[in-house]
Amino acid sequence: MPVEHRRIIVETPGRGTVRIDERIARELQASGLSTGLCHVFLQHTSASLVLTENADPDVRTDLETIYARAAPDGDPAYRHDAEGPDDMAAHARAALGTAAICIPFADRRLMLGTWQGLFVWEHRHRGHRRHLVLTLIGEP
């Protein structure tokens, strides 16, 4: 079964989400594979991937509120703060999320549900360049 590795870079503007499923879909189209699995891996420890509602941005705003309660910036109990008050909070938020997700595809299209979108969720206040590895496994 053919396997392809592809890399994409996502520039984040700072804390919040950047939709990436459309970019991944373009990579899938370029691969020539028709049916299989797309594994997405984020190579960072202060951002995560989230598969969530793609139509109403309030969902992502509410998720940010939930994460802010679970891992607040500048908590005096944190020891790791080398890069500022959002440093350890960003690592905790990434640990609560995921760095990898696998999505099936058929007819050269990701098989996401109607209201699903895949996002890089930046947990730092300033923007970063985030690197993702796509592993496409499938049949032509």
Protein backbone atom coordinates (compact mmCIF):
# COMPACT_ATOMS: atom_id res chain seq x y z
CA MET A 1 0.00 0.00 0.00
CA PRO A 2 1.50 3.35 -0.99
CA VAL A 3 2.59 5.74 1.78
CA GLU A 4 3.41 9.41 1.31
CA HIS A 5 4.79 11.93 3.79
CA ARG A 6 4.04 15.59 3.28
CA ARG A 7 4.80 18.61 5.42
CA ILE A 8 2.87 21.80 5.86
CA ILE A 9 3.65 24.93 7.85
CA VAL A 10 0.93 26.91 9.57
CA GLU A 11 1.53 30.49 10.69
CA THR A 12 -0.57 31.23 13.75
CA PRO A 13 -1.48 34.79 14.73
CA GLY A 14 -1.40 33.96 18.44
CA ARG A 15 -3.74 32.19 20.83
CA GLY A 16 -6.70 30.78 18.92
CA THR A 17 -7.46 28.41 16.07
CA VAL A 18 -6.37 28.21 12.45
CA ARG A 19 -8.40 25.95 10.17
CA ILE A 20 -6.22 23.44 8.31
CA ASP A 21 -8.49 20.77 6.80
CA GLU A 22 -8.70 22.64 3.49
CA ARG A 23 -4.89 22.74 3.21
CA ILE A 24 -4.71 19.05 4.04
CA ALA A 25 -7.36 18.34 1.42
CA ARG A 26 -5.19 20.07 -1.21
CA GLU A 27 -2.22 17.90 -0.22
CA LEU A 28 -4.44 14.83 -0.50
CA GLN A 29 -5.58 15.89 -3.97
CA ALA A 30 -1.96 16.35 -5.07
CA SER A 31 -0.98 12.92 -3.75
CA GLY A 32 -2.93 10.91 -6.27
CA LEU A 33 -4.23 8.57 -3.56
CA SER A 34 -7.95 7.88 -3.67
CA THR A 35 -8.88 5.88 -0.57
CA GLY A 36 -7.11 5.46 2.75
CA LEU A 37 -6.06 7.24 5.93
CA CYS A 38 -4.55 10.65 6.53
CA HIS A 39 -2.55 10.90 9.74
CA VAL A 40 -1.78 14.47 10.88
CA PHE A 41 0.99 15.06 13.43
CA LEU A 42 1.82 18.44 14.99
CA GLN A 43 5.50 18.75 15.95
CA HIS A 44 5.04 21.09 18.93
CA THR A 45 4.36 21.06 22.69
CA SER A 46 2.57 24.39 23.12
CA ALA A 47 -0.10 23.97 20.44
CA SER A 48 -2.52 21.17 19.64
CA LEU A 49 -4.92 19.88 17.03
CA VAL A 50 -8.67 20.06 17.53
CA LEU A 51 -11.44 18.48 15.48
CA THR A 52 -14.54 20.50 16.25
CA GLU A 53 -17.46 22.57 14.97
CA ASN A 54 -16.52 24.46 11.80
CA ALA A 55 -19.56 26.71 11.39
CA ASP A 56 -20.07 28.58 14.66
CA PRO A 57 -16.87 30.23 15.96
CA ASP A 58 -18.50 30.54 19.40
CA VAL A 59 -17.72 26.85 19.92
CA ARG A 60 -13.98 27.53 19.65
CA THR A 61 -14.32 30.62 21.84
CA ASP A 62 -16.07 28.53 24.49
CA LEU A 63 -13.38 25.83 24.25
CA GLU A 64 -10.78 28.54 24.89
CA THR A 65 -12.75 29.61 27.99
CA ILE A 66 -12.79 26.02 29.26
CA TYR A 67 -9.03 25.63 28.71
CA ALA A 68 -8.35 28.99 30.39
CA ARG A 69 -10.10 27.69 33.49
CA ALA A 70 -8.21 24.38 33.40
CA ALA A 71 -4.77 25.91 32.73
CA PRO A 72 -4.71 29.63 33.54
CA ASP A 73 -1.83 31.84 32.47
CA GLY A 74 0.59 32.86 35.21
CA ASP A 75 -0.61 30.45 37.88
CA PRO A 76 1.83 30.96 40.80
CA ALA A 77 1.95 27.17 41.29
CA TYR A 78 3.74 26.74 37.95
CA ARG A 79 7.51 26.35 38.07
CA HIS A 80 8.10 26.45 34.30
CA ASP A 81 7.78 30.05 33.09
CA ALA A 82 10.96 30.55 31.07
CA GLU A 83 9.11 32.21 28.19
CA GLY A 84 6.53 34.17 30.16
CA PRO A 85 3.26 33.67 32.01
CA ASP A 86 1.64 31.74 29.15
CA ASP A 87 4.52 29.24 28.90
CA MET A 88 3.41 26.45 31.24
CA ALA A 89 -0.26 27.11 30.55
CA ALA A 90 0.40 26.50 26.84
CA HIS A 91 2.15 23.19 27.57
CA ALA A 92 -0.70 22.10 29.86
CA ARG A 93 -3.31 22.99 27.26
CA ALA A 94 -1.41 21.05 24.60
CA ALA A 95 -1.21 18.04 26.93
CA LEU A 96 -5.00 18.23 27.44
CA GLY A 97 -5.47 18.21 23.68
CA THR A 98 -3.81 16.08 21.03
CA ALA A 99 -0.83 16.34 18.70
CA ALA A 100 -2.07 13.69 16.24
CA ILE A 101 -5.28 12.73 14.52
CA CYS A 102 -6.21 10.23 11.82
CA ILE A 103 -8.93 10.98 9.26
CA PRO A 104 -10.15 8.51 6.61
CA PHE A 105 -10.48 9.63 3.02
CA ALA A 106 -12.37 8.29 -0.01
CA ASP A 107 -12.65 9.55 -3.57
CA ARG A 108 -9.72 11.88 -2.73
CA ARG A 109 -11.81 13.68 -0.08
CA LEU A 110 -11.43 13.77 3.70
CA MET A 111 -14.41 12.03 5.27
CA LEU A 112 -15.18 14.76 7.79
CA GLY A 113 -18.72 15.23 9.03
CA THR A 114 -20.82 18.14 7.80
CA TRP A 115 -19.96 20.38 10.77
CA GLN A 116 -16.43 19.14 11.46
CA GLY A 117 -13.28 21.15 10.86
CA LEU A 118 -9.67 20.44 11.79
CA PHE A 119 -7.74 23.28 13.42
CA VAL A 120 -4.30 24.01 14.81
CA TRP A 121 -4.99 25.46 18.25
CA GLU A 122 -2.27 27.88 19.24
CA HIS A 123 -1.90 28.09 23.02
CA ARG A 124 0.75 30.85 23.15
CA HIS A 125 -0.20 34.53 23.05
CA ARG A 126 2.20 35.39 20.25
CA GLY A 127 2.09 33.81 16.82
CA HIS A 128 4.31 30.90 15.85
CA ARG A 129 5.29 28.89 12.80
CA ARG A 130 3.84 25.41 13.40
CA HIS A 131 5.05 22.34 11.50
CA LEU A 132 2.81 19.41 10.64
CA VAL A 133 3.63 16.05 9.12
CA LEU A 134 0.98 14.34 7.01
CA THR A 135 1.24 10.62 6.45
CA LEU A 136 -1.06 9.47 3.67
CA ILE A 137 -1.63 5.73 3.44
CA GLY A 138 -3.90 4.49 0.71
CA GLU A 139 -4.68 3.20 -2.71
CA PRO A 140 -4.53 5.16 -5.99
